[in-house]
PDB file of all heavy atoms in Angstrom:
ATOM      1  N   GLY A   1       2.640  24.195  -0.867  1.00  0.00           N
ATOM      2  CA  GLY A   1       2.598  22.928  -1.428  1.00  0.00           C
ATOM      3  C   GLY A   1       3.410  21.910  -0.734  1.00  0.00           C
ATOM      4  O   GLY A   1       2.910  20.743  -0.576  1.00  0.00           O
ATOM      5  N   LEU A   2       4.453  22.235  -0.257  1.00  0.00           N
ATOM      6  CA  LEU A   2       5.316  21.244   0.660  1.00  0.00           C
ATOM      7  C   LEU A   2       4.594  20.845   1.852  1.00  0.00           C
ATOM      8  O   LEU A   2       4.589  19.694   2.187  1.00  0.00           O
ATOM      9  CB  LEU A   2       6.708  21.866   0.883  1.00  0.00           C
ATOM     10  CG  LEU A   2       7.680  21.997  -0.186  1.00  0.00           C
ATOM     11  CD1 LEU A   2       8.912  22.846   0.185  1.00  0.00           C
ATOM     12  CD2 LEU A   2       7.983  20.629  -0.771  1.00  0.00           C
ATOM     13  N   VAL A   3       3.896  21.857   2.498  1.00  0.00           N
ATOM     14  CA  VAL A   3       3.141  21.529   3.651  1.00  0.00           C
ATOM     15  C   VAL A   3       2.093  20.550   3.397  1.00  0.00           C
ATOM     16  O   VAL A   3       1.848  19.512   4.093  1.00  0.00           O
ATOM     17  CB  VAL A   3       2.629  22.829   4.371  1.00  0.00           C
ATOM     18  CG1 VAL A   3       1.700  22.389   5.495  1.00  0.00           C
ATOM     19  CG2 VAL A   3       3.793  23.628   4.873  1.00  0.00           C
ATOM     20  N   LEU A   4       1.287  20.839   2.354  1.00  0.00           N
ATOM     21  CA  LEU A   4       0.154  19.985   1.996  1.00  0.00           C
ATOM     22  C   LEU A   4       0.599  18.609   1.534  1.00  0.00           C
ATOM     23  O   LEU A   4       0.052  17.629   1.797  1.00  0.00           O
ATOM     24  CB  LEU A   4      -0.641  20.611   0.805  1.00  0.00           C
ATOM     25  CG  LEU A   4      -1.554  21.911   1.127  1.00  0.00           C
ATOM     26  CD1 LEU A   4      -2.080  22.485  -0.045  1.00  0.00           C
ATOM     27  CD2 LEU A   4      -2.459  21.675   2.229  1.00  0.00           C
ATOM     28  N   ALA A   5       1.766  18.561   0.801  1.00  0.00           N
ATOM     29  CA  ALA A   5       2.299  17.299   0.352  1.00  0.00           C
ATOM     30  C   ALA A   5       2.689  16.469   1.583  1.00  0.00           C
ATOM     31  O   ALA A   5       2.563  15.267   1.613  1.00  0.00           O
ATOM     32  CB  ALA A   5       3.428  17.506  -0.634  1.00  0.00           C
ATOM     33  N   GLY A   6       3.390  17.176   2.513  1.00  0.00           N
ATOM     34  CA  GLY A   6       3.728  16.467   3.758  1.00  0.00           C
ATOM     35  C   GLY A   6       2.599  15.806   4.474  1.00  0.00           C
ATOM     36  O   GLY A   6       2.556  14.755   4.909  1.00  0.00           O
ATOM     37  N   LEU A   7       1.508  16.653   4.634  1.00  0.00           N
ATOM     38  CA  LEU A   7       0.270  16.192   5.267  1.00  0.00           C
ATOM     39  C   LEU A   7      -0.362  15.027   4.632  1.00  0.00           C
ATOM     40  O   LEU A   7      -0.917  14.059   5.126  1.00  0.00           O
ATOM     41  CB  LEU A   7      -0.696  17.356   5.447  1.00  0.00           C
ATOM     42  CG  LEU A   7      -0.215  18.440   6.432  1.00  0.00           C
ATOM     43  CD1 LEU A   7      -1.302  19.610   6.409  1.00  0.00           C
ATOM     44  CD2 LEU A   7      -0.116  17.915   7.833  1.00  0.00           C
ATOM     45  N   ALA A   8      -0.371  15.042   3.241  1.00  0.00           N
ATOM     46  CA  ALA A   8      -0.991  13.975   2.526  1.00  0.00           C
ATOM     47  C   ALA A   8      -0.046  12.760   2.442  1.00  0.00           C
ATOM     48  O   ALA A   8      -0.641  11.647   2.433  1.00  0.00           O
ATOM     49  CB  ALA A   8      -1.177  14.589   1.007  1.00  0.00           C
ATOM     50  N   LEU A   9       1.249  12.952   2.403  1.00  0.00           N
ATOM     51  CA  LEU A   9       2.173  11.817   2.325  1.00  0.00           C
ATOM     52  C   LEU A   9       2.352  11.151   3.699  1.00  0.00           C
ATOM     53  O   LEU A   9       2.724   9.920   3.685  1.00  0.00           O
ATOM     54  CB  LEU A   9       3.464  12.126   1.716  1.00  0.00           C
ATOM     55  CG  LEU A   9       3.363  12.633   0.198  1.00  0.00           C
ATOM     56  CD1 LEU A   9       4.730  13.055  -0.253  1.00  0.00           C
ATOM     57  CD2 LEU A   9       2.870  11.416  -0.664  1.00  0.00           C
ATOM     58  N   ALA A  10       2.202  11.849   4.803  1.00  0.00           N
ATOM     59  CA  ALA A  10       2.512  11.161   6.015  1.00  0.00           C
ATOM     60  C   ALA A  10       1.734   9.899   6.342  1.00  0.00           C
ATOM     61  O   ALA A  10       2.398   8.840   6.748  1.00  0.00           O
ATOM     62  CB  ALA A  10       2.245  12.221   7.167  1.00  0.00           C
ATOM     63  N   PRO A  11       0.469   9.776   6.168  1.00  0.00           N
ATOM     64  CA  PRO A  11      -0.240   8.513   6.362  1.00  0.00           C
ATOM     65  C   PRO A  11       0.206   7.448   5.328  1.00  0.00           C
ATOM     66  O   PRO A  11       0.210   6.311   5.644  1.00  0.00           O
ATOM     67  CB  PRO A  11      -1.712   8.873   6.188  1.00  0.00           C
ATOM     68  CG  PRO A  11      -1.792  10.144   5.493  1.00  0.00           C
ATOM     69  CD  PRO A  11      -0.558  10.929   5.845  1.00  0.00           C
ATOM     70  N   LEU A  12       0.378   7.887   4.141  1.00  0.00           N
ATOM     71  CA  LEU A  12       0.888   6.915   3.173  1.00  0.00           C
ATOM     72  C   LEU A  12       2.245   6.430   3.420  1.00  0.00           C
ATOM     73  O   LEU A  12       2.480   5.129   3.352  1.00  0.00           O
ATOM     74  CB  LEU A  12       0.991   7.515   1.813  1.00  0.00           C
ATOM     75  CG  LEU A  12      -0.407   8.072   1.239  1.00  0.00           C
ATOM     76  CD1 LEU A  12      -0.222   8.633  -0.153  1.00  0.00           C
ATOM     77  CD2 LEU A  12      -1.416   6.910   1.154  1.00  0.00           C
ATOM     78  N   LEU A  13       3.108   7.171   3.950  1.00  0.00           N
ATOM     79  CA  LEU A  13       4.437   6.680   4.391  1.00  0.00           C
ATOM     80  C   LEU A  13       4.294   5.797   5.605  1.00  0.00           C
ATOM     81  O   LEU A  13       5.053   4.754   5.659  1.00  0.00           O
ATOM     82  CB  LEU A  13       5.390   7.906   4.739  1.00  0.00           C
ATOM     83  CG  LEU A  13       5.769   8.736   3.552  1.00  0.00           C
ATOM     84  CD1 LEU A  13       6.503   9.998   4.076  1.00  0.00           C
ATOM     85  CD2 LEU A  13       6.554   7.915   2.570  1.00  0.00           C
ATOM     86  N   TRP A  14       3.421   5.998   6.489  1.00  0.00           N
ATOM     87  CA  TRP A  14       3.136   5.200   7.631  1.00  0.00           C
ATOM     88  C   TRP A  14       2.727   3.782   7.141  1.00  0.00           C
ATOM     89  O   TRP A  14       3.130   2.697   7.588  1.00  0.00           O
ATOM     90  CB  TRP A  14       2.207   5.794   8.698  1.00  0.00           C
ATOM     91  CG  TRP A  14       1.943   4.893   9.810  1.00  0.00           C
ATOM     92  CD1 TRP A  14       2.690   4.845  10.929  1.00  0.00           C
ATOM     93  CD2 TRP A  14       0.874   3.977   9.975  1.00  0.00           C
ATOM     94  NE1 TRP A  14       2.133   3.917  11.847  1.00  0.00           N
ATOM     95  CE2 TRP A  14       1.113   3.380  11.270  1.00  0.00           C
ATOM     96  CE3 TRP A  14      -0.121   3.587   9.100  1.00  0.00           C
ATOM     97  CZ2 TRP A  14       0.135   2.386  11.676  1.00  0.00           C
ATOM     98  CZ3 TRP A  14      -1.045   2.634   9.697  1.00  0.00           C
ATOM     99  CH2 TRP A  14      -0.866   2.093  10.977  1.00  0.00           C
ATOM    100  N   LEU A  15       1.740   3.768   6.135  1.00  0.00           N
ATOM    101  CA  LEU A  15       1.272   2.525   5.583  1.00  0.00           C
ATOM    102  C   LEU A  15       2.329   1.881   4.867  1.00  0.00           C
ATOM    103  O   LEU A  15       2.497   0.562   4.809  1.00  0.00           O
ATOM    104  CB  LEU A  15       0.066   2.787   4.697  1.00  0.00           C
ATOM    105  CG  LEU A  15      -1.207   3.227   5.339  1.00  0.00           C
ATOM    106  CD1 LEU A  15      -2.256   3.598   4.326  1.00  0.00           C
ATOM    107  CD2 LEU A  15      -1.703   2.108   6.200  1.00  0.00           C
ATOM    108  N   LEU A  16       3.236   2.568   4.219  1.00  0.00           N
ATOM    109  CA  LEU A  16       4.390   1.921   3.487  1.00  0.00           C
ATOM    110  C   LEU A  16       5.301   1.233   4.555  1.00  0.00           C
ATOM    111  O   LEU A  16       5.694   0.038   4.137  1.00  0.00           O
ATOM    112  CB  LEU A  16       5.106   2.943   2.681  1.00  0.00           C
ATOM    113  CG  LEU A  16       6.386   2.466   1.947  1.00  0.00           C
ATOM    114  CD1 LEU A  16       5.998   1.380   0.974  1.00  0.00           C
ATOM    115  CD2 LEU A  16       7.101   3.580   1.250  1.00  0.00           C
ATOM    116  N   GLY A  17       5.501   1.901   5.643  1.00  0.00           N
ATOM    117  CA  GLY A  17       6.385   1.264   6.608  1.00  0.00           C
ATOM    118  C   GLY A  17       5.650   0.031   7.235  1.00  0.00           C
ATOM    119  O   GLY A  17       6.352  -0.979   7.450  1.00  0.00           O
ATOM    120  N   ALA A  18       4.368  -0.015   7.331  1.00  0.00           N
ATOM    121  CA  ALA A  18       3.652  -1.232   7.859  1.00  0.00           C
ATOM    122  C   ALA A  18       3.685  -2.308   6.835  1.00  0.00           C
ATOM    123  O   ALA A  18       3.833  -3.536   7.144  1.00  0.00           O
ATOM    124  CB  ALA A  18       2.197  -0.785   8.203  1.00  0.00           C
ATOM    125  N   SER A  19       3.744  -1.907   5.552  1.00  0.00           N
ATOM    126  CA  SER A  19       3.800  -2.901   4.417  1.00  0.00           C
ATOM    127  C   SER A  19       5.209  -3.570   4.358  1.00  0.00           C
ATOM    128  O   SER A  19       5.239  -4.765   4.265  1.00  0.00           O
ATOM    129  CB  SER A  19       3.395  -2.182   3.140  1.00  0.00           C
ATOM    130  OG  SER A  19       2.074  -1.702   3.156  1.00  0.00           O
ATOM    131  N   VAL A  20       6.141  -2.750   4.482  1.00  0.00           N
ATOM    132  CA  VAL A  20       7.644  -3.284   4.492  1.00  0.00           C
ATOM    133  C   VAL A  20       7.859  -4.106   5.701  1.00  0.00           C
ATOM    134  O   VAL A  20       8.519  -5.180   5.424  1.00  0.00           O
ATOM    135  CB  VAL A  20       8.472  -2.108   4.319  1.00  0.00           C
ATOM    136  CG1 VAL A  20      10.014  -2.591   4.535  1.00  0.00           C
ATOM    137  CG2 VAL A  20       8.351  -1.293   3.027  1.00  0.00           C
ATOM    138  N   SER A  21       7.370  -3.856   6.845  1.00  0.00           N
ATOM    139  CA  SER A  21       7.619  -4.650   7.941  1.00  0.00           C
ATOM    140  C   SER A  21       6.946  -5.959   7.905  1.00  0.00           C
ATOM    141  O   SER A  21       7.471  -6.909   8.409  1.00  0.00           O
ATOM    142  CB  SER A  21       7.059  -3.931   9.235  1.00  0.00           C
ATOM    143  OG  SER A  21       5.564  -3.756   9.207  1.00  0.00           O
ATOM    144  N   GLY A  22       5.877  -6.075   7.114  1.00  0.00           N
ATOM    145  CA  GLY A  22       5.287  -7.381   6.951  1.00  0.00           C
ATOM    146  C   GLY A  22       5.207  -7.822   5.501  1.00  0.00           C
ATOM    147  O   GLY A  22       4.279  -8.314   4.948  1.00  0.00           O
ATOM    148  N   ALA A  23       6.378  -7.461   4.832  1.00  0.00           N
ATOM    149  CA  ALA A  23       6.338  -7.682   3.370  1.00  0.00           C
ATOM    150  C   ALA A  23       6.114  -9.112   2.881  1.00  0.00           C
ATOM    151  O   ALA A  23       5.599  -9.367   1.848  1.00  0.00           O
ATOM    152  CB  ALA A  23       7.746  -7.230   2.788  1.00  0.00           C
ATOM    153  N   GLY A  24       6.523 -10.030   3.697  1.00  0.00           N
ATOM    154  CA  GLY A  24       6.409 -11.471   3.339  1.00  0.00           C
ATOM    155  C   GLY A  24       4.941 -11.782   3.161  1.00  0.00           C
ATOM    156  O   GLY A  24       4.659 -12.558   2.210  1.00  0.00           O
ATOM    157  N   SER A  25       4.021 -11.348   4.000  1.00  0.00           N
ATOM    158  CA  SER A  25       2.631 -11.607   3.816  1.00  0.00           C
ATOM    159  C   SER A  25       1.906 -10.581   3.158  1.00  0.00           C
ATOM    160  O   SER A  25       0.806 -10.815   2.571  1.00  0.00           O
ATOM    161  CB  SER A  25       2.017 -11.928   5.251  1.00  0.00           C
ATOM    162  OG  SER A  25       2.152 -10.774   6.036  1.00  0.00           O
ATOM    163  N   THR A  26       2.277  -9.293   3.201  1.00  0.00           N
ATOM    164  CA  THR A  26       1.595  -8.216   2.713  1.00  0.00           C
ATOM    165  C   THR A  26       1.529  -8.291   1.170  1.00  0.00           C
ATOM    166  O   THR A  26       0.437  -8.277   0.550  1.00  0.00           O
ATOM    167  CB  THR A  26       2.191  -6.842   3.131  1.00  0.00           C
ATOM    168  OG1 THR A  26       2.120  -6.813   4.580  1.00  0.00           O
ATOM    169  CG2 THR A  26       1.440  -5.679   2.586  1.00  0.00           C
ATOM    170  N   PHE A  27       2.665  -8.223   0.544  1.00  0.00           N
ATOM    171  CA  PHE A  27       2.746  -8.105  -0.900  1.00  0.00           C
ATOM    172  C   PHE A  27       2.462  -9.460  -1.509  1.00  0.00           C
ATOM    173  O   PHE A  27       2.289  -9.540  -2.822  1.00  0.00           O
ATOM    174  CB  PHE A  27       4.130  -7.578  -1.410  1.00  0.00           C
ATOM    175  CG  PHE A  27       4.358  -6.185  -1.001  1.00  0.00           C
ATOM    176  CD1 PHE A  27       5.134  -5.833   0.130  1.00  0.00           C
ATOM    177  CD2 PHE A  27       3.767  -5.146  -1.696  1.00  0.00           C
ATOM    178  CE1 PHE A  27       5.344  -4.596   0.450  1.00  0.00           C
ATOM    179  CE2 PHE A  27       3.860  -3.717  -1.349  1.00  0.00           C
ATOM    180  CZ  PHE A  27       4.692  -3.515  -0.226  1.00  0.00           C
ATOM    181  N   ARG A  28       2.262 -10.501  -0.750  1.00  0.00           N
ATOM    182  CA  ARG A  28       1.928 -11.791  -1.318  1.00  0.00           C
ATOM    183  C   ARG A  28       0.538 -11.754  -1.844  1.00  0.00           C
ATOM    184  O   ARG A  28       0.111 -12.574  -2.671  1.00  0.00           O
ATOM    185  CB  ARG A  28       2.083 -12.882  -0.323  1.00  0.00           C
ATOM    186  CG  ARG A  28       1.892 -14.268  -0.837  1.00  0.00           C
ATOM    187  CD  ARG A  28       2.138 -15.363   0.309  1.00  0.00           C
ATOM    188  NE  ARG A  28       3.432 -15.210   0.985  1.00  0.00           N
ATOM    189  CZ  ARG A  28       3.578 -15.235   2.318  1.00  0.00           C
ATOM    190  NH1 ARG A  28       2.539 -15.554   3.033  1.00  0.00           N
ATOM    191  NH2 ARG A  28       4.774 -15.127   2.811  1.00  0.00           N
ATOM    192  N   LEU A  29      -0.203 -10.844  -1.358  1.00  0.00           N
ATOM    193  CA  LEU A  29      -1.670 -10.646  -1.834  1.00  0.00           C
ATOM    194  C   LEU A  29      -1.769 -10.400  -3.329  1.00  0.00           C
ATOM    195  O   LEU A  29      -2.619 -10.808  -4.015  1.00  0.00           O
ATOM    196  CB  LEU A  29      -2.350  -9.519  -1.169  1.00  0.00           C
ATOM    197  CG  LEU A  29      -2.628  -9.708   0.393  1.00  0.00           C
ATOM    198  CD1 LEU A  29      -3.181  -8.375   0.972  1.00  0.00           C
ATOM    199  CD2 LEU A  29      -3.763 -10.794   0.531  1.00  0.00           C
ATOM    200  N   LEU A  30      -0.761  -9.640  -3.749  1.00  0.00           N
ATOM    201  CA  LEU A  30      -0.773  -9.259  -5.184  1.00  0.00           C
ATOM    202  C   LEU A  30      -0.390 -10.387  -6.112  1.00  0.00           C
ATOM    203  O   LEU A  30      -0.590 -10.359  -7.325  1.00  0.00           O
ATOM    204  CB  LEU A  30       0.217  -8.020  -5.483  1.00  0.00           C
ATOM    205  CG  LEU A  30      -0.101  -6.755  -4.701  1.00  0.00           C
ATOM    206  CD1 LEU A  30       0.900  -5.781  -5.062  1.00  0.00           C
ATOM    207  CD2 LEU A  30      -1.469  -6.337  -5.047  1.00  0.00           C
ATOM    208  N   ALA A  31       0.145 -11.456  -5.613  1.00  0.00           N
ATOM    209  CA  ALA A  31       0.456 -12.689  -6.324  1.00  0.00           C
ATOM    210  C   ALA A  31      -0.735 -13.574  -6.535  1.00  0.00           C
ATOM    211  O   ALA A  31      -0.741 -14.482  -7.456  1.00  0.00           O
ATOM    212  CB  ALA A  31       1.552 -13.424  -5.670  1.00  0.00           C
ATOM    213  N   ALA A  32      -1.817 -13.371  -5.780  1.00  0.00           N
ATOM    214  CA  ALA A  32      -3.037 -14.163  -5.882  1.00  0.00           C
ATOM    215  C   ALA A  32      -3.927 -13.536  -6.986  1.00  0.00           C
ATOM    216  O   ALA A  32      -3.788 -12.472  -7.478  1.00  0.00           O
ATOM    217  CB  ALA A  32      -3.756 -14.072  -4.568  1.00  0.00           C
ATOM    218  N   ALA A  33      -4.732 -14.372  -7.478  1.00  0.00           N
ATOM    219  CA  ALA A  33      -5.633 -14.059  -8.711  1.00  0.00           C
ATOM    220  C   ALA A  33      -6.841 -13.190  -8.220  1.00  0.00           C
ATOM    221  O   ALA A  33      -7.326 -12.330  -9.052  1.00  0.00           O
ATOM    222  CB  ALA A  33      -6.082 -15.271  -9.327  1.00  0.00           C
ATOM    223  N   ARG A  34      -7.341 -13.415  -7.019  1.00  0.00           N
ATOM    224  CA  ARG A  34      -8.566 -12.792  -6.599  1.00  0.00           C
ATOM    225  C   ARG A  34      -8.531 -11.260  -6.645  1.00  0.00           C
ATOM    226  O   ARG A  34      -9.461 -10.635  -7.155  1.00  0.00           O
ATOM    227  CB  ARG A  34      -9.025 -13.267  -5.246  1.00  0.00           C
ATOM    228  CG  ARG A  34     -10.315 -12.651  -4.766  1.00  0.00           C
ATOM    229  CD  ARG A  34     -10.842 -13.373  -3.575  1.00  0.00           C
ATOM    230  NE  ARG A  34     -12.104 -12.721  -3.077  1.00  0.00           N
ATOM    231  CZ  ARG A  34     -13.306 -12.728  -3.591  1.00  0.00           C
ATOM    232  NH1 ARG A  34     -13.456 -13.439  -4.789  1.00  0.00           N
ATOM    233  NH2 ARG A  34     -14.285 -12.158  -3.171  1.00  0.00           N
ATOM    234  N   PRO A  35      -7.434 -10.627  -5.991  1.00  0.00           N
ATOM    235  CA  PRO A  35      -7.502  -9.137  -6.160  1.00  0.00           C
ATOM    236  C   PRO A  35      -7.577  -8.599  -7.549  1.00  0.00           C
ATOM    237  O   PRO A  35      -8.293  -7.559  -7.794  1.00  0.00           O
ATOM    238  CB  PRO A  35      -6.173  -8.718  -5.423  1.00  0.00           C
ATOM    239  CG  PRO A  35      -5.835  -9.942  -4.562  1.00  0.00           C
ATOM    240  CD  PRO A  35      -6.354 -11.093  -5.255  1.00  0.00           C
ATOM    241  N   TRP A  36      -6.837  -9.228  -8.547  1.00  0.00           N
ATOM    242  CA  TRP A  36      -6.798  -8.757  -9.820  1.00  0.00           C
ATOM    243  C   TRP A  36      -8.172  -8.954 -10.466  1.00  0.00           C
ATOM    244  O   TRP A  36      -8.609  -8.108 -11.274  1.00  0.00           O
ATOM    245  CB  TRP A  36      -5.664  -9.412 -10.658  1.00  0.00           C
ATOM    246  CG  TRP A  36      -4.374  -9.098 -10.003  1.00  0.00           C
ATOM    247  CD1 TRP A  36      -3.574  -9.893  -9.296  1.00  0.00           C
ATOM    248  CD2 TRP A  36      -3.631  -7.871 -10.278  1.00  0.00           C
ATOM    249  NE1 TRP A  36      -2.327  -9.228  -8.954  1.00  0.00           N
ATOM    250  CE2 TRP A  36      -2.357  -8.084  -9.547  1.00  0.00           C
ATOM    251  CE3 TRP A  36      -3.825  -6.738 -10.917  1.00  0.00           C
ATOM    252  CZ2 TRP A  36      -1.403  -7.036  -9.491  1.00  0.00           C
ATOM    253  CZ3 TRP A  36      -2.918  -5.725 -10.924  1.00  0.00           C
ATOM    254  CH2 TRP A  36      -1.694  -5.929 -10.261  1.00  0.00           C
ATOM    255  N   ALA A  37      -8.753 -10.168 -10.178  1.00  0.00           N
ATOM    256  CA  ALA A  37     -10.124 -10.309 -10.715  1.00  0.00           C
ATOM    257  C   ALA A  37     -11.173  -9.305 -10.154  1.00  0.00           C
ATOM    258  O   ALA A  37     -11.985  -8.805 -10.943  1.00  0.00           O
ATOM    259  CB  ALA A  37     -10.578 -11.857 -10.291  1.00  0.00           C
ATOM    260  N   LEU A  38     -11.066  -8.883  -8.928  1.00  0.00           N
ATOM    261  CA  LEU A  38     -11.907  -7.887  -8.360  1.00  0.00           C
ATOM    262  C   LEU A  38     -11.605  -6.506  -8.971  1.00  0.00           C
ATOM    263  O   LEU A  38     -12.563  -5.779  -9.258  1.00  0.00           O
ATOM    264  CB  LEU A  38     -11.743  -7.788  -6.821  1.00  0.00           C
ATOM    265  CG  LEU A  38     -12.282  -8.996  -6.032  1.00  0.00           C
ATOM    266  CD1 LEU A  38     -11.949  -8.858  -4.529  1.00  0.00           C
ATOM    267  CD2 LEU A  38     -13.764  -9.028  -6.252  1.00  0.00           C
ATOM    268  N   LEU A  39     -10.307  -6.290  -9.185  1.00  0.00           N
ATOM    269  CA  LEU A  39     -10.004  -5.026  -9.841  1.00  0.00           C
ATOM    270  C   LEU A  39     -10.545  -4.886 -11.208  1.00  0.00           C
ATOM    271  O   LEU A  39     -11.105  -3.909 -11.671  1.00  0.00           O
ATOM    272  CB  LEU A  39      -8.534  -4.796  -9.849  1.00  0.00           C
ATOM    273  CG  LEU A  39      -7.953  -3.605 -10.556  1.00  0.00           C
ATOM    274  CD1 LEU A  39      -8.450  -2.343  -9.851  1.00  0.00           C
ATOM    275  CD2 LEU A  39      -6.435  -3.536 -10.578  1.00  0.00           C
ATOM    276  N   LEU A  40     -10.472  -6.049 -11.902  1.00  0.00           N
ATOM    277  CA  LEU A  40     -11.009  -6.159 -13.311  1.00  0.00           C
ATOM    278  C   LEU A  40     -12.463  -5.902 -13.322  1.00  0.00           C
ATOM    279  O   LEU A  40     -13.039  -5.164 -14.211  1.00  0.00           O
ATOM    280  CB  LEU A  40     -10.577  -7.395 -14.050  1.00  0.00           C
ATOM    281  CG  LEU A  40     -11.113  -7.587 -15.530  1.00  0.00           C
ATOM    282  CD1 LEU A  40     -10.737  -6.515 -16.441  1.00  0.00           C
ATOM    283  CD2 LEU A  40     -10.688  -9.009 -15.921  1.00  0.00           C
ATOM    284  N   ARG A  41     -13.172  -6.544 -12.406  1.00  0.00           N
ATOM    285  CA  ARG A  41     -14.550  -6.410 -12.297  1.00  0.00           C
ATOM    286  C   ARG A  41     -14.987  -4.979 -11.985  1.00  0.00           C
ATOM    287  O   ARG A  41     -15.878  -4.402 -12.540  1.00  0.00           O
ATOM    288  CB  ARG A  41     -15.163  -7.320 -11.245  1.00  0.00           C
ATOM    289  CG  ARG A  41     -16.705  -7.208 -10.978  1.00  0.00           C
ATOM    290  CD  ARG A  41     -17.122  -8.052  -9.866  1.00  0.00           C
ATOM    291  NE  ARG A  41     -16.977  -9.469 -10.200  1.00  0.00           N
ATOM    292  CZ  ARG A  41     -17.188 -10.419  -9.324  1.00  0.00           C
ATOM    293  NH1 ARG A  41     -17.620 -10.181  -8.057  1.00  0.00           N
ATOM    294  NH2 ARG A  41     -17.057 -11.709  -9.603  1.00  0.00           N
TER     295      ARG A  41
END
């Protein structure tokens, strides 16, 4: 289970690092209305 969890989480952790490095522009997307409207649709 630990091996599978590591393999599954590795790309997610890399994406998390990319998100944190560009946090100013990355998470600003969630403040816009369009992503939430698309999710609701």
